[in-house]
Amino acid sequence: MLTNTPKFEILSGSENAVERGVKFMKNTKTRMDITFEKDDPSIVAQIPAYNEGYKDIIKRGAKIRCVTEVTPENILYCKKLLKMVTELL
């Protein structure tokens, strides 16, 4: 039986995504790799549940790697996101 097998999920719908995202963050042990559409950094940076969840992940010593497109329209949110994650690509 394989252990530490990466798990991938695609979430849609804001309520489902936030609820599942919070649950997922609570179970993150070593690393969370996440991709965002170019408009998503503004959403993530403003949702308190995500802010707290990301802080808890970092406190546990896990890494958060986020991949998104940085644009002139989302640069301020990407700067906020950069303070929340280990790596922003």
PDB file of N, CA and C in Angstrom:
ATOM      1  N   MET A   1       0.842  -1.185   0.000  1.00  0.00           N
ATOM      2  CA  MET A   1       0.000   0.000   0.000  1.00  0.00           C
ATOM      3  C   MET A   1       0.883   1.243   0.000  1.00  0.00           C
ATOM      4  N   LEU A   2       0.552   2.190  -0.853  1.00  0.00           N
ATOM      5  CA  LEU A   2       1.322   3.423  -0.945  1.00  0.00           C
ATOM      6  C   LEU A   2       0.952   4.368   0.190  1.00  0.00           C
ATOM      7  N   THR A   3       1.944   5.043   0.721  1.00  0.00           N
ATOM      8  CA  THR A   3       1.693   6.071   1.720  1.00  0.00           C
ATOM      9  C   THR A   3       2.147   7.396   1.158  1.00  0.00           C
ATOM     10  N   ASN A   4       1.645   8.466   1.720  1.00  0.00           N
ATOM     11  CA  ASN A   4       1.992   9.817   1.271  1.00  0.00           C
ATOM     12  C   ASN A   4       1.681  10.041  -0.203  1.00  0.00           C
ATOM     13  N   THR A   5       0.647   9.389  -0.706  1.00  0.00           N
ATOM     14  CA  THR A   5       0.241   9.576  -2.083  1.00  0.00           C
ATOM     15  C   THR A   5      -0.435  10.933  -2.205  1.00  0.00           C
ATOM     16  N   PRO A   6       0.022  11.769  -3.154  1.00  0.00           N
ATOM     17  CA  PRO A   6      -0.611  13.078  -3.317  1.00  0.00           C
ATOM     18  C   PRO A   6      -2.099  12.927  -3.633  1.00  0.00           C
ATOM     19  N   LYS A   7      -2.878  13.856  -3.143  1.00  0.00           N
ATOM     20  CA  LYS A   7      -4.313  13.857  -3.386  1.00  0.00           C
ATOM     21  C   LYS A   7      -4.676  15.153  -4.081  1.00  0.00           C
ATOM     22  N   PHE A   8      -5.464  15.044  -5.120  1.00  0.00           N
ATOM     23  CA  PHE A   8      -5.865  16.210  -5.882  1.00  0.00           C
ATOM     24  C   PHE A   8      -7.381  16.329  -5.855  1.00  0.00           C
ATOM     25  N   GLU A   9      -7.864  17.571  -5.707  1.00  0.00           N
ATOM     26  CA  GLU A   9      -9.295  17.827  -5.732  1.00  0.00           C
ATOM     27  C   GLU A   9      -9.549  19.091  -6.522  1.00  0.00           C
ATOM     28  N   ILE A  10     -10.664  19.120  -7.208  1.00  0.00           N
ATOM     29  CA  ILE A  10     -11.115  20.322  -7.900  1.00  0.00           C
ATOM     30  C   ILE A  10     -12.400  20.753  -7.214  1.00  0.00           C
ATOM     31  N   LEU A  11     -12.414  21.975  -6.709  1.00  0.00           N
ATOM     32  CA  LEU A  11     -13.570  22.488  -5.973  1.00  0.00           C
ATOM     33  C   LEU A  11     -14.259  23.562  -6.788  1.00  0.00           C
ATOM     34  N   SER A  12     -15.592  23.609  -6.706  1.00  0.00           N
ATOM     35  CA  SER A  12     -16.330  24.676  -7.376  1.00  0.00           C
ATOM     36  C   SER A  12     -17.470  25.130  -6.482  1.00  0.00           C
ATOM     37  N   GLY A  13     -17.915  26.339  -6.677  1.00  0.00           N
ATOM     38  CA  GLY A  13     -18.954  26.918  -5.832  1.00  0.00           C
ATOM     39  C   GLY A  13     -18.342  27.470  -4.566  1.00  0.00           C
ATOM     40  N   SER A  14     -18.624  28.720  -4.256  1.00  0.00           N
ATOM     41  CA  SER A  14     -17.933  29.398  -3.162  1.00  0.00           C
ATOM     42  C   SER A  14     -18.156  28.742  -1.805  1.00  0.00           C
ATOM     43  N   GLU A  15     -19.387  28.387  -1.462  1.00  0.00           N
ATOM     44  CA  GLU A  15     -19.623  27.766  -0.155  1.00  0.00           C
ATOM     45  C   GLU A  15     -18.939  26.409  -0.056  1.00  0.00           C
ATOM     46  N   ASN A  16     -19.063  25.600  -1.095  1.00  0.00           N
ATOM     47  CA  ASN A  16     -18.431  24.285  -1.107  1.00  0.00           C
ATOM     48  C   ASN A  16     -16.918  24.415  -1.038  1.00  0.00           C
ATOM     49  N   ALA A  17     -16.394  25.372  -1.768  1.00  0.00           N
ATOM     50  CA  ALA A  17     -14.945  25.548  -1.805  1.00  0.00           C
ATOM     51  C   ALA A  17     -14.406  26.001  -0.450  1.00  0.00           C
ATOM     52  N   VAL A  18     -15.057  26.942   0.186  1.00  0.00           N
ATOM     53  CA  VAL A  18     -14.582  27.432   1.488  1.00  0.00           C
ATOM     54  C   VAL A  18     -14.687  26.320   2.532  1.00  0.00           C
ATOM     55  N   GLU A  19     -15.830  25.660   2.583  1.00  0.00           N
ATOM     56  CA  GLU A  19     -16.027  24.588   3.567  1.00  0.00           C
ATOM     57  C   GLU A  19     -15.013  23.462   3.362  1.00  0.00           C
ATOM     58  N   ARG A  20     -14.860  23.021   2.145  1.00  0.00           N
ATOM     59  CA  ARG A  20     -13.918  21.932   1.866  1.00  0.00           C
ATOM     60  C   ARG A  20     -12.484  22.405   2.036  1.00  0.00           C
ATOM     61  N   GLY A  21     -12.225  23.652   1.665  1.00  0.00           N
ATOM     62  CA  GLY A  21     -10.884  24.202   1.826  1.00  0.00           C
ATOM     63  C   GLY A  21     -10.446  24.237   3.279  1.00  0.00           C
ATOM     64  N   VAL A  22     -11.332  24.650   4.167  1.00  0.00           N
ATOM     65  CA  VAL A  22     -11.024  24.698   5.599  1.00  0.00           C
ATOM     66  C   VAL A  22     -10.758  23.291   6.122  1.00  0.00           C
ATOM     67  N   LYS A  23     -11.599  22.348   5.736  1.00  0.00           N
ATOM     68  CA  LYS A  23     -11.402  20.958   6.161  1.00  0.00           C
ATOM     69  C   LYS A  23     -10.067  20.421   5.643  1.00  0.00           C
ATOM     70  N   PHE A  24      -9.767  20.706   4.407  1.00  0.00           N
ATOM     71  CA  PHE A  24      -8.512  20.258   3.802  1.00  0.00           C
ATOM     72  C   PHE A  24      -7.313  20.854   4.540  1.00  0.00           C
ATOM     73  N   MET A  25      -7.386  22.147   4.849  1.00  0.00           N
ATOM     74  CA  MET A  25      -6.266  22.801   5.538  1.00  0.00           C
ATOM     75  C   MET A  25      -6.010  22.187   6.902  1.00  0.00           C
ATOM     76  N   LYS A  26      -7.070  21.797   7.602  1.00  0.00           N
ATOM     77  CA  LYS A  26      -6.906  21.184   8.919  1.00  0.00           C
ATOM     78  C   LYS A  26      -6.186  19.847   8.835  1.00  0.00           C
ATOM     79  N   ASN A  27      -6.271  19.191   7.684  1.00  0.00           N
ATOM     80  CA  ASN A  27      -5.636  17.892   7.501  1.00  0.00           C
ATOM     81  C   ASN A  27      -4.262  17.979   6.843  1.00  0.00           C
ATOM     82  N   THR A  28      -3.835  19.169   6.466  1.00  0.00           N
ATOM     83  CA  THR A  28      -2.542  19.329   5.811  1.00  0.00           C
ATOM     84  C   THR A  28      -1.429  19.107   6.828  1.00  0.00           C
ATOM     85  N   LYS A  29      -0.566  18.163   6.513  1.00  0.00           N
ATOM     86  CA  LYS A  29       0.504  17.799   7.455  1.00  0.00           C
ATOM     87  C   LYS A  29       1.877  18.333   7.048  1.00  0.00           C
ATOM     88  N   THR A  30       2.231  18.215   5.779  1.00  0.00           N
ATOM     89  CA  THR A  30       3.575  18.610   5.362  1.00  0.00           C
ATOM     90  C   THR A  30       3.591  19.661   4.264  1.00  0.00           C
ATOM     91  N   ARG A  31       2.627  19.578   3.331  1.00  0.00           N
ATOM     92  CA  ARG A  31       2.692  20.483   2.188  1.00  0.00           C
ATOM     93  C   ARG A  31       1.320  20.624   1.548  1.00  0.00           C
ATOM     94  N   MET A  32       1.027  21.844   1.116  1.00  0.00           N
ATOM     95  CA  MET A  32      -0.183  22.108   0.343  1.00  0.00           C
ATOM     96  C   MET A  32       0.229  22.867  -0.910  1.00  0.00           C
ATOM     97  N   ASP A  33      -0.005  22.263  -2.050  1.00  0.00           N
ATOM     98  CA  ASP A  33       0.226  22.911  -3.336  1.00  0.00           C
ATOM     99  C   ASP A  33      -1.138  23.289  -3.889  1.00  0.00           C
ATOM    100  N   ILE A  34      -1.292  24.539  -4.276  1.00  0.00           N
ATOM    101  CA  ILE A  34      -2.601  25.013  -4.716  1.00  0.00           C
ATOM    102  C   ILE A  34      -2.439  25.950  -5.899  1.00  0.00           C
ATOM    103  N   THR A  35      -3.354  25.866  -6.848  1.00  0.00           N
ATOM    104  CA  THR A  35      -3.348  26.780  -7.991  1.00  0.00           C
ATOM    105  C   THR A  35      -4.602  27.640  -7.928  1.00  0.00           C
ATOM    106  N   PHE A  36      -4.457  28.867  -8.381  1.00  0.00           N
ATOM    107  CA  PHE A  36      -5.569  29.811  -8.409  1.00  0.00           C
ATOM    108  C   PHE A  36      -5.700  30.413  -9.794  1.00  0.00           C
ATOM    109  N   GLU A  37      -6.932  30.689 -10.184  1.00  0.00           N
ATOM    110  CA  GLU A  37      -7.175  31.521 -11.360  1.00  0.00           C
ATOM    111  C   GLU A  37      -6.723  32.936 -10.998  1.00  0.00           C
ATOM    112  N   LYS A  38      -6.541  33.784 -11.985  1.00  0.00           N
ATOM    113  CA  LYS A  38      -5.985  35.120 -11.726  1.00  0.00           C
ATOM    114  C   LYS A  38      -6.839  35.982 -10.797  1.00  0.00           C
ATOM    115  N   ASP A  39      -8.139  35.710 -10.697  1.00  0.00           N
ATOM    116  CA  ASP A  39      -9.010  36.503  -9.813  1.00  0.00           C
ATOM    117  C   ASP A  39      -9.079  35.944  -8.390  1.00  0.00           C
ATOM    118  N   ASP A  40      -8.607  34.732  -8.183  1.00  0.00           N
ATOM    119  CA  ASP A  40      -8.741  34.076  -6.879  1.00  0.00           C
ATOM    120  C   ASP A  40      -7.895  34.661  -5.755  1.00  0.00           C
ATOM    121  N   PRO A  41      -6.708  35.226  -5.997  1.00  0.00           N
ATOM    122  CA  PRO A  41      -5.964  35.801  -4.876  1.00  0.00           C
ATOM    123  C   PRO A  41      -6.772  36.846  -4.096  1.00  0.00           C
ATOM    124  N   SER A  42      -7.620  37.598  -4.783  1.00  0.00           N
ATOM    125  CA  SER A  42      -8.435  38.603  -4.084  1.00  0.00           C
ATOM    126  C   SER A  42      -9.431  37.932  -3.150  1.00  0.00           C
ATOM    127  N   ILE A  43      -9.958  36.787  -3.535  1.00  0.00           N
ATOM    128  CA  ILE A  43     -10.917  36.067  -2.700  1.00  0.00           C
ATOM    129  C   ILE A  43     -10.205  35.464  -1.492  1.00  0.00           C
ATOM    130  N   VAL A  44      -9.117  34.767  -1.744  1.00  0.00           N
ATOM    131  CA  VAL A  44      -8.390  34.078  -0.675  1.00  0.00           C
ATOM    132  C   VAL A  44      -7.847  35.065   0.349  1.00  0.00           C
ATOM    133  N   ALA A  45      -7.314  36.174  -0.112  1.00  0.00           N
ATOM    134  CA  ALA A  45      -6.726  37.164   0.790  1.00  0.00           C
ATOM    135  C   ALA A  45      -7.771  37.809   1.698  1.00  0.00           C
ATOM    136  N   GLN A  46      -9.044  37.746   1.306  1.00  0.00           N
ATOM    137  CA  GLN A  46     -10.090  38.419   2.074  1.00  0.00           C
ATOM    138  C   GLN A  46     -10.959  37.491   2.919  1.00  0.00           C
ATOM    139  N   ILE A  47     -10.776  36.188   2.825  1.00  0.00           N
ATOM    140  CA  ILE A  47     -11.600  35.252   3.591  1.00  0.00           C
ATOM    141  C   ILE A  47     -10.885  34.903   4.890  1.00  0.00           C
ATOM    142  N   PRO A  48     -11.432  35.323   6.033  1.00  0.00           N
ATOM    143  CA  PRO A  48     -10.775  35.068   7.316  1.00  0.00           C
ATOM    144  C   PRO A  48     -10.487  33.590   7.570  1.00  0.00           C
ATOM    145  N   ALA A  49     -11.378  32.705   7.142  1.00  0.00           N
ATOM    146  CA  ALA A  49     -11.157  31.265   7.363  1.00  0.00           C
ATOM    147  C   ALA A  49      -9.901  30.790   6.646  1.00  0.00           C
ATOM    148  N   TYR A  50      -9.634  31.330   5.475  1.00  0.00           N
ATOM    149  CA  TYR A  50      -8.418  30.961   4.748  1.00  0.00           C
ATOM    150  C   TYR A  50      -7.189  31.567   5.417  1.00  0.00           C
ATOM    151  N   ASN A  51      -7.291  32.809   5.840  1.00  0.00           N
ATOM    152  CA  ASN A  51      -6.171  33.443   6.537  1.00  0.00           C
ATOM    153  C   ASN A  51      -5.747  32.618   7.749  1.00  0.00           C
ATOM    154  N   GLU A  52      -6.716  32.244   8.568  1.00  0.00           N
ATOM    155  CA  GLU A  52      -6.424  31.463   9.769  1.00  0.00           C
ATOM    156  C   GLU A  52      -5.921  30.069   9.414  1.00  0.00           C
ATOM    157  N   GLY A  53      -6.538  29.457   8.414  1.00  0.00           N
ATOM    158  CA  GLY A  53      -6.110  28.127   7.996  1.00  0.00           C
ATOM    159  C   GLY A  53      -4.686  28.110   7.495  1.00  0.00           C
ATOM    160  N   TYR A  54      -4.318  29.101   6.706  1.00  0.00           N
ATOM    161  CA  TYR A  54      -2.953  29.180   6.185  1.00  0.00           C
ATOM    162  C   TYR A  54      -1.966  29.408   7.332  1.00  0.00           C
ATOM    163  N   LYS A  55      -2.328  30.279   8.285  1.00  0.00           N
ATOM    164  CA  LYS A  55      -1.458  30.523   9.440  1.00  0.00           C
ATOM    165  C   LYS A  55      -1.234  29.238  10.227  1.00  0.00           C
ATOM    166  N   ASP A  56      -2.302  28.476  10.428  1.00  0.00           N
ATOM    167  CA  ASP A  56      -2.191  27.222  11.173  1.00  0.00           C
ATOM    168  C   ASP A  56      -1.287  26.225  10.448  1.00  0.00           C
ATOM    169  N   ILE A  57      -1.396  26.158   9.147  1.00  0.00           N
ATOM    170  CA  ILE A  57      -0.545  25.250   8.366  1.00  0.00           C
ATOM    171  C   ILE A  57       0.922  25.610   8.571  1.00  0.00           C
ATOM    172  N   ILE A  58       1.232  26.892   8.465  1.00  0.00           N
ATOM    173  CA  ILE A  58       2.614  27.351   8.628  1.00  0.00           C
ATOM    174  C   ILE A  58       3.096  27.080  10.050  1.00  0.00           C
ATOM    175  N   LYS A  59       2.242  27.321  11.056  1.00  0.00           N
ATOM    176  CA  LYS A  59       2.605  27.055  12.458  1.00  0.00           C
ATOM    177  C   LYS A  59       2.954  25.593  12.683  1.00  0.00           C
ATOM    178  N   ARG A  60       2.275  24.702  11.962  1.00  0.00           N
ATOM    179  CA  ARG A  60       2.545  23.268  12.091  1.00  0.00           C
ATOM    180  C   ARG A  60       3.829  22.857  11.378  1.00  0.00           C
ATOM    181  N   GLY A  61       4.457  23.810  10.700  1.00  0.00           N
ATOM    182  CA  GLY A  61       5.713  23.519  10.017  1.00  0.00           C
ATOM    183  C   GLY A  61       5.540  23.029   8.592  1.00  0.00           C
ATOM    184  N   ALA A  62       4.331  23.059   8.075  1.00  0.00           N
ATOM    185  CA  ALA A  62       4.079  22.632   6.706  1.00  0.00           C
ATOM    186  C   ALA A  62       4.350  23.786   5.743  1.00  0.00           C
ATOM    187  N   LYS A  63       4.470  23.460   4.490  1.00  0.00           N
ATOM    188  CA  LYS A  63       4.739  24.440   3.435  1.00  0.00           C
ATOM    189  C   LYS A  63       3.484  24.644   2.600  1.00  0.00           C
ATOM    190  N   ILE A  64       3.310  25.864   2.096  1.00  0.00           N
ATOM    191  CA  ILE A  64       2.215  26.184   1.184  1.00  0.00           C
ATOM    192  C   ILE A  64       2.820  26.775  -0.076  1.00  0.00           C
ATOM    193  N   ARG A  65       2.606  26.093  -1.191  1.00  0.00           N
ATOM    194  CA  ARG A  65       3.070  26.595  -2.484  1.00  0.00           C
ATOM    195  C   ARG A  65       1.845  26.951  -3.317  1.00  0.00           C
ATOM    196  N   CYS A  66       1.784  28.188  -3.778  1.00  0.00           N
ATOM    197  CA  CYS A  66       0.645  28.706  -4.522  1.00  0.00           C
ATOM    198  C   CYS A  66       1.099  29.120  -5.928  1.00  0.00           C
ATOM    199  N   VAL A  67       0.341  28.686  -6.923  1.00  0.00           N
ATOM    200  CA  VAL A  67       0.636  29.038  -8.303  1.00  0.00           C
ATOM    201  C   VAL A  67      -0.541  29.843  -8.839  1.00  0.00           C
ATOM    202  N   THR A  68      -0.251  31.026  -9.363  1.00  0.00           N
ATOM    203  CA  THR A  68      -1.290  31.868  -9.954  1.00  0.00           C
ATOM    204  C   THR A  68      -0.658  32.822 -10.960  1.00  0.00           C
ATOM    205  N   GLU A  69      -1.481  33.430 -11.760  1.00  0.00           N
ATOM    206  CA  GLU A  69      -1.015  34.459 -12.695  1.00  0.00           C
ATOM    207  C   GLU A  69      -1.049  35.803 -11.969  1.00  0.00           C
ATOM    208  N   VAL A  70       0.084  36.470 -11.923  1.00  0.00           N
ATOM    209  CA  VAL A  70       0.152  37.795 -11.307  1.00  0.00           C
ATOM    210  C   VAL A  70      -0.102  38.822 -12.401  1.00  0.00           C
ATOM    211  N   THR A  71      -1.100  39.665 -12.186  1.00  0.00           N
ATOM    212  CA  THR A  71      -1.474  40.689 -13.166  1.00  0.00           C
ATOM    213  C   THR A  71      -1.489  42.053 -12.479  1.00  0.00           C
ATOM    214  N   PRO A  72      -1.515  43.112 -13.254  1.00  0.00           N
ATOM    215  CA  PRO A  72      -1.631  44.440 -12.634  1.00  0.00           C
ATOM    216  C   PRO A  72      -2.893  44.574 -11.772  1.00  0.00           C
ATOM    217  N   GLU A  73      -3.960  43.861 -12.156  1.00  0.00           N
ATOM    218  CA  GLU A  73      -5.221  43.943 -11.420  1.00  0.00           C
ATOM    219  C   GLU A  73      -5.175  43.198 -10.082  1.00  0.00           C
ATOM    220  N   ASN A  74      -4.347  42.166  -9.970  1.00  0.00           N
ATOM    221  CA  ASN A  74      -4.347  41.383  -8.728  1.00  0.00           C
ATOM    222  C   ASN A  74      -3.051  41.507  -7.926  1.00  0.00           C
ATOM    223  N   ILE A  75      -2.168  42.393  -8.331  1.00  0.00           N
ATOM    224  CA  ILE A  75      -0.845  42.487  -7.696  1.00  0.00           C
ATOM    225  C   ILE A  75      -0.947  42.778  -6.192  1.00  0.00           C
ATOM    226  N   LEU A  76      -1.857  43.623  -5.777  1.00  0.00           N
ATOM    227  CA  LEU A  76      -1.981  43.935  -4.346  1.00  0.00           C
ATOM    228  C   LEU A  76      -2.420  42.699  -3.552  1.00  0.00           C
ATOM    229  N   TYR A  77      -3.325  41.920  -4.124  1.00  0.00           N
ATOM    230  CA  TYR A  77      -3.768  40.696  -3.452  1.00  0.00           C
ATOM    231  C   TYR A  77      -2.673  39.634  -3.461  1.00  0.00           C
ATOM    232  N   CYS A  78      -1.900  39.587  -4.530  1.00  0.00           N
ATOM    233  CA  CYS A  78      -0.779  38.640  -4.573  1.00  0.00           C
ATOM    234  C   CYS A  78       0.264  39.000  -3.513  1.00  0.00           C
ATOM    235  N   LYS A  79       0.452  40.280  -3.260  1.00  0.00           N
ATOM    236  CA  LYS A  79       1.380  40.693  -2.201  1.00  0.00           C
ATOM    237  C   LYS A  79       0.865  40.242  -0.841  1.00  0.00           C
ATOM    238  N   LYS A  80      -0.440  40.336  -0.627  1.00  0.00           N
ATOM    239  CA  LYS A  80      -1.030  39.840   0.627  1.00  0.00           C
ATOM    240  C   LYS A  80      -0.887  38.322   0.709  1.00  0.00           C
ATOM    241  N   LEU A  81      -1.143  37.670  -0.408  1.00  0.00           N
ATOM    242  CA  LEU A  81      -1.031  36.219  -0.461  1.00  0.00           C
ATOM    243  C   LEU A  81       0.399  35.763  -0.194  1.00  0.00           C
ATOM    244  N   LEU A  82       1.352  36.509  -0.674  1.00  0.00           N
ATOM    245  CA  LEU A  82       2.762  36.181  -0.472  1.00  0.00           C
ATOM    246  C   LEU A  82       3.107  36.156   1.018  1.00  0.00           C
ATOM    247  N   LYS A  83       2.415  36.960   1.807  1.00  0.00           N
ATOM    248  CA  LYS A  83       2.642  36.958   3.261  1.00  0.00           C
ATOM    249  C   LYS A  83       1.978  35.763   3.941  1.00  0.00           C
ATOM    250  N   MET A  84       1.069  35.091   3.228  1.00  0.00           N
ATOM    251  CA  MET A  84       0.323  33.977   3.798  1.00  0.00           C
ATOM    252  C   MET A  84       0.907  32.609   3.432  1.00  0.00           C
ATOM    253  N   VAL A  85       1.702  32.553   2.374  1.00  0.00           N
ATOM    254  CA  VAL A  85       2.190  31.272   1.854  1.00  0.00           C
ATOM    255  C   VAL A  85       3.702  31.199   1.939  1.00  0.00           C
ATOM    256  N   THR A  86       4.223  29.993   1.753  1.00  0.00           N
ATOM    257  CA  THR A  86       5.650  29.783   1.761  1.00  0.00           C
ATOM    258  C   THR A  86       6.271  30.183   0.431  1.00  0.00           C
ATOM    259  N   GLU A  87       5.545  29.918  -0.649  1.00  0.00           N
ATOM    260  CA  GLU A  87       6.083  30.172  -1.984  1.00  0.00           C
ATOM    261  C   GLU A  87       4.944  30.576  -2.905  1.00  0.00           C
ATOM    262  N   LEU A  88       5.158  31.628  -3.706  1.00  0.00           N
ATOM    263  CA  LEU A  88       4.178  32.085  -4.681  1.00  0.00           C
ATOM    264  C   LEU A  88       4.845  32.073  -6.039  1.00  0.00           C
ATOM    265  N   LEU A  89       4.261  31.292  -6.935  1.00  0.00           N
ATOM    266  CA  LEU A  89       4.806  31.172  -8.292  1.00  0.00           C
ATOM    267  C   LEU A  89       3.831  31.700  -9.298  1.00  0.00           C
TER     268      LEU A  89
END
